[in-house]
């Protein structure tokens, strides 16, 4: 599925695709918000959920840019290369 196809789906269908095909690749907690990053077929979905209620507060789908860079900055490239040896 391409990002443009995903964005054309209604909310319920987007969640169905996310839970069925999304791969959780990172998570963090900031205050009362749990931020989750999922990968689906070459694009990403970021969810912000309330820590106590698990209610989704915000959702955004994207391919690249600042939203992805903040996750990449957590993992230095030189450290990742050490794992490949």
N, C-alpha and C. Protein backbone atom coordinates (compact mmCIF):
# COMPACT_ATOMS: atom_id res chain seq x y z
N UNK A 1 0.85 -1.18 0.00
CA UNK A 1 0.00 0.00 0.00
C UNK A 1 0.89 1.24 0.00
N UNK A 2 0.50 2.21 -0.77
CA UNK A 2 1.24 3.47 -0.82
C UNK A 2 0.62 4.46 0.16
N UNK A 3 1.43 5.45 0.55
CA UNK A 3 0.97 6.46 1.50
C UNK A 3 -0.29 7.17 1.01
N UNK A 4 -0.34 7.52 -0.26
CA UNK A 4 -1.52 8.23 -0.79
C UNK A 4 -2.78 7.36 -0.69
N UNK A 5 -2.64 6.06 -0.86
CA UNK A 5 -3.77 5.14 -0.73
C UNK A 5 -4.23 5.07 0.74
N UNK A 6 -3.25 5.01 1.64
CA UNK A 6 -3.56 4.95 3.07
C UNK A 6 -4.31 6.20 3.50
N UNK A 7 -3.86 7.36 3.04
CA UNK A 7 -4.50 8.63 3.43
C UNK A 7 -5.93 8.76 2.90
N UNK A 8 -6.25 8.04 1.84
CA UNK A 8 -7.61 8.08 1.29
C UNK A 8 -8.59 7.25 2.10
N UNK A 9 -8.08 6.35 2.95
CA UNK A 9 -8.94 5.50 3.77
C UNK A 9 -9.56 6.32 4.90
N UNK A 10 -10.75 5.91 5.35
CA UNK A 10 -11.33 6.58 6.51
C UNK A 10 -10.58 6.15 7.77
N UNK A 11 -10.86 6.82 8.89
CA UNK A 11 -10.12 6.56 10.13
C UNK A 11 -10.15 5.09 10.53
N UNK A 12 -11.31 4.49 10.50
CA UNK A 12 -11.45 3.09 10.91
C UNK A 12 -10.59 2.17 10.05
N UNK A 13 -10.60 2.39 8.73
CA UNK A 13 -9.80 1.57 7.83
C UNK A 13 -8.30 1.81 8.04
N UNK A 14 -7.91 3.07 8.31
CA UNK A 14 -6.50 3.36 8.58
C UNK A 14 -6.03 2.61 9.82
N UNK A 15 -6.84 2.61 10.88
CA UNK A 15 -6.46 1.87 12.09
C UNK A 15 -6.39 0.37 11.81
N UNK A 16 -7.29 -0.14 11.02
CA UNK A 16 -7.29 -1.57 10.68
C UNK A 16 -5.98 -1.94 9.97
N UNK A 17 -5.57 -1.12 9.02
CA UNK A 17 -4.31 -1.36 8.31
C UNK A 17 -3.13 -1.24 9.26
N UNK A 18 -3.15 -0.22 10.12
CA UNK A 18 -2.06 -0.01 11.07
C UNK A 18 -1.89 -1.22 11.98
N UNK A 19 -2.98 -1.71 12.56
CA UNK A 19 -2.88 -2.84 13.50
C UNK A 19 -2.53 -4.14 12.77
N UNK A 20 -2.97 -4.29 11.54
CA UNK A 20 -2.70 -5.54 10.81
C UNK A 20 -1.32 -5.57 10.16
N UNK A 21 -0.83 -4.42 9.68
CA UNK A 21 0.40 -4.41 8.88
C UNK A 21 1.50 -3.53 9.45
N UNK A 22 1.19 -2.70 10.42
CA UNK A 22 2.20 -1.80 10.98
C UNK A 22 3.20 -2.55 11.86
N UNK A 23 4.43 -2.14 11.74
CA UNK A 23 5.49 -2.69 12.57
C UNK A 23 6.00 -1.58 13.49
N UNK A 24 5.87 -1.81 14.80
CA UNK A 24 6.32 -0.81 15.77
C UNK A 24 7.84 -0.74 15.71
N UNK A 25 8.37 0.46 15.43
CA UNK A 25 9.82 0.58 15.33
C UNK A 25 10.42 1.48 16.41
N UNK A 26 9.58 2.26 17.11
CA UNK A 26 10.10 3.05 18.22
C UNK A 26 8.94 3.53 19.08
N UNK A 27 9.25 3.78 20.34
CA UNK A 27 8.26 4.30 21.27
C UNK A 27 8.99 5.08 22.35
N UNK A 28 8.33 6.11 22.84
CA UNK A 28 8.88 6.87 23.97
C UNK A 28 7.71 7.49 24.72
N UNK A 29 8.00 7.92 25.94
CA UNK A 29 6.99 8.58 26.76
C UNK A 29 7.49 9.97 27.11
N UNK A 30 6.65 10.96 26.86
CA UNK A 30 6.94 12.36 27.22
C UNK A 30 5.76 12.87 28.03
N UNK A 31 5.96 12.99 29.33
CA UNK A 31 4.86 13.43 30.20
C UNK A 31 3.76 12.39 30.22
N UNK A 32 2.56 12.82 29.83
CA UNK A 32 1.40 11.92 29.81
C UNK A 32 1.13 11.36 28.42
N UNK A 33 2.11 11.49 27.53
CA UNK A 33 1.91 11.06 26.14
C UNK A 33 2.91 9.96 25.76
N UNK A 34 2.40 8.88 25.23
CA UNK A 34 3.23 7.81 24.67
C UNK A 34 3.26 8.03 23.16
N UNK A 35 4.46 8.17 22.61
CA UNK A 35 4.61 8.38 21.17
C UNK A 35 5.09 7.08 20.55
N UNK A 36 4.37 6.61 19.54
CA UNK A 36 4.65 5.35 18.89
C UNK A 36 4.89 5.58 17.40
N UNK A 37 5.95 4.99 16.87
CA UNK A 37 6.24 5.11 15.45
C UNK A 37 6.12 3.74 14.81
N UNK A 38 5.26 3.64 13.82
CA UNK A 38 5.03 2.40 13.08
C UNK A 38 5.49 2.56 11.64
N UNK A 39 5.98 1.48 11.04
CA UNK A 39 6.32 1.45 9.62
C UNK A 39 5.31 0.56 8.90
N UNK A 40 4.85 1.05 7.75
CA UNK A 40 3.93 0.28 6.89
C UNK A 40 4.37 0.50 5.45
N UNK A 41 4.85 -0.54 4.80
CA UNK A 41 5.14 -0.49 3.36
C UNK A 41 5.85 0.78 2.89
N UNK A 42 6.91 1.19 3.57
CA UNK A 42 7.69 2.33 3.10
C UNK A 42 7.23 3.69 3.56
N UNK A 43 6.22 3.76 4.43
CA UNK A 43 5.86 5.02 5.05
C UNK A 43 5.66 4.79 6.54
N UNK A 44 5.43 5.88 7.27
CA UNK A 44 5.40 5.81 8.74
C UNK A 44 4.11 6.42 9.27
N UNK A 45 3.69 5.93 10.42
CA UNK A 45 2.55 6.48 11.12
C UNK A 45 2.99 6.74 12.56
N UNK A 46 2.82 7.97 13.00
CA UNK A 46 3.13 8.32 14.38
C UNK A 46 1.83 8.49 15.14
N UNK A 47 1.72 7.81 16.26
CA UNK A 47 0.55 7.93 17.13
C UNK A 47 0.99 8.55 18.45
N UNK A 48 0.17 9.45 18.96
CA UNK A 48 0.36 9.96 20.31
C UNK A 48 -0.83 9.46 21.11
N UNK A 49 -0.56 8.72 22.18
CA UNK A 49 -1.62 8.15 23.01
C UNK A 49 -1.45 8.61 24.45
N UNK A 50 -2.57 8.80 25.12
CA UNK A 50 -2.52 9.16 26.54
C UNK A 50 -2.03 7.94 27.31
N UNK A 51 -1.06 8.14 28.19
CA UNK A 51 -0.43 7.04 28.92
C UNK A 51 -1.44 6.26 29.76
N UNK A 52 -2.35 6.94 30.44
CA UNK A 52 -3.28 6.26 31.34
C UNK A 52 -4.47 5.64 30.63
N UNK A 53 -5.03 6.35 29.67
CA UNK A 53 -6.25 5.87 29.01
C UNK A 53 -5.98 5.13 27.71
N UNK A 54 -4.78 5.28 27.16
CA UNK A 54 -4.39 4.71 25.87
C UNK A 54 -5.21 5.28 24.71
N UNK A 55 -5.93 6.37 24.94
CA UNK A 55 -6.71 7.03 23.90
C UNK A 55 -5.76 7.72 22.93
N UNK A 56 -6.03 7.55 21.63
CA UNK A 56 -5.20 8.21 20.61
C UNK A 56 -5.53 9.70 20.62
N UNK A 57 -4.49 10.50 20.83
CA UNK A 57 -4.65 11.95 20.87
C UNK A 57 -4.32 12.61 19.53
N UNK A 58 -3.46 11.94 18.76
CA UNK A 58 -3.00 12.53 17.50
C UNK A 58 -2.43 11.42 16.63
N UNK A 59 -2.58 11.56 15.32
CA UNK A 59 -2.05 10.57 14.38
C UNK A 59 -1.62 11.29 13.12
N UNK A 60 -0.44 10.91 12.61
CA UNK A 60 0.05 11.51 11.38
C UNK A 60 0.79 10.45 10.57
N UNK A 61 0.56 10.43 9.28
CA UNK A 61 1.29 9.52 8.39
C UNK A 61 2.20 10.34 7.49
N UNK A 62 3.40 9.81 7.22
CA UNK A 62 4.40 10.56 6.45
C UNK A 62 5.45 9.60 5.91
N UNK A 63 6.28 10.10 4.98
CA UNK A 63 7.35 9.29 4.40
C UNK A 63 8.73 9.69 4.90
N UNK A 64 8.97 10.96 5.10
CA UNK A 64 10.31 11.44 5.45
C UNK A 64 10.20 12.81 6.08
N UNK A 65 11.35 13.39 6.40
CA UNK A 65 11.37 14.76 6.91
C UNK A 65 11.63 14.85 8.39
N UNK A 66 11.31 15.99 8.95
CA UNK A 66 11.61 16.30 10.35
C UNK A 66 11.00 15.28 11.31
N UNK A 67 9.79 14.83 11.03
CA UNK A 67 9.15 13.86 11.92
C UNK A 67 9.94 12.57 12.02
N UNK A 68 10.53 12.13 10.92
CA UNK A 68 11.33 10.92 10.94
C UNK A 68 12.72 11.19 11.51
N UNK A 69 13.28 12.34 11.22
CA UNK A 69 14.63 12.67 11.68
C UNK A 69 14.76 12.64 13.19
N UNK A 70 13.72 13.03 13.91
CA UNK A 70 13.82 13.03 15.37
C UNK A 70 14.00 11.62 15.91
N UNK A 71 13.51 10.62 15.20
CA UNK A 71 13.73 9.23 15.61
C UNK A 71 15.13 8.77 15.20
N UNK A 72 15.55 9.14 14.01
CA UNK A 72 16.86 8.72 13.53
C UNK A 72 17.98 9.30 14.39
N UNK A 73 17.78 10.50 14.92
CA UNK A 73 18.79 11.13 15.76
C UNK A 73 19.05 10.34 17.05
N UNK A 74 18.12 9.49 17.44
CA UNK A 74 18.28 8.69 18.65
C UNK A 74 19.29 7.56 18.47
N UNK A 75 19.57 7.20 17.22
CA UNK A 75 20.42 6.05 16.93
C UNK A 75 21.60 6.48 16.07
N UNK A 76 22.75 6.75 16.69
CA UNK A 76 23.92 7.18 15.92
C UNK A 76 24.32 6.13 14.88
N UNK A 77 24.63 6.58 13.68
CA UNK A 77 24.95 5.68 12.58
C UNK A 77 26.15 4.80 12.91
N UNK A 78 27.17 5.36 13.55
CA UNK A 78 28.36 4.56 13.86
C UNK A 78 28.01 3.40 14.80
N UNK A 79 27.08 3.60 15.69
CA UNK A 79 26.66 2.53 16.59
C UNK A 79 25.89 1.45 15.83
N UNK A 80 25.06 1.86 14.88
CA UNK A 80 24.32 0.89 14.08
C UNK A 80 25.26 0.06 13.22
N UNK A 81 26.31 0.67 12.71
CA UNK A 81 27.28 -0.05 11.88
C UNK A 81 28.01 -1.12 12.69
N UNK A 82 28.23 -0.89 13.98
CA UNK A 82 28.87 -1.88 14.84
C UNK A 82 28.07 -3.17 14.92
N UNK A 83 26.74 -3.08 14.82
CA UNK A 83 25.89 -4.26 14.90
C UNK A 83 25.92 -5.09 13.64
N UNK A 84 26.31 -4.48 12.53
CA UNK A 84 26.30 -5.20 11.25
C UNK A 84 27.54 -6.07 11.06
N UNK A 85 28.54 -5.92 11.92
CA UNK A 85 29.79 -6.69 11.77
C UNK A 85 29.64 -8.08 12.33
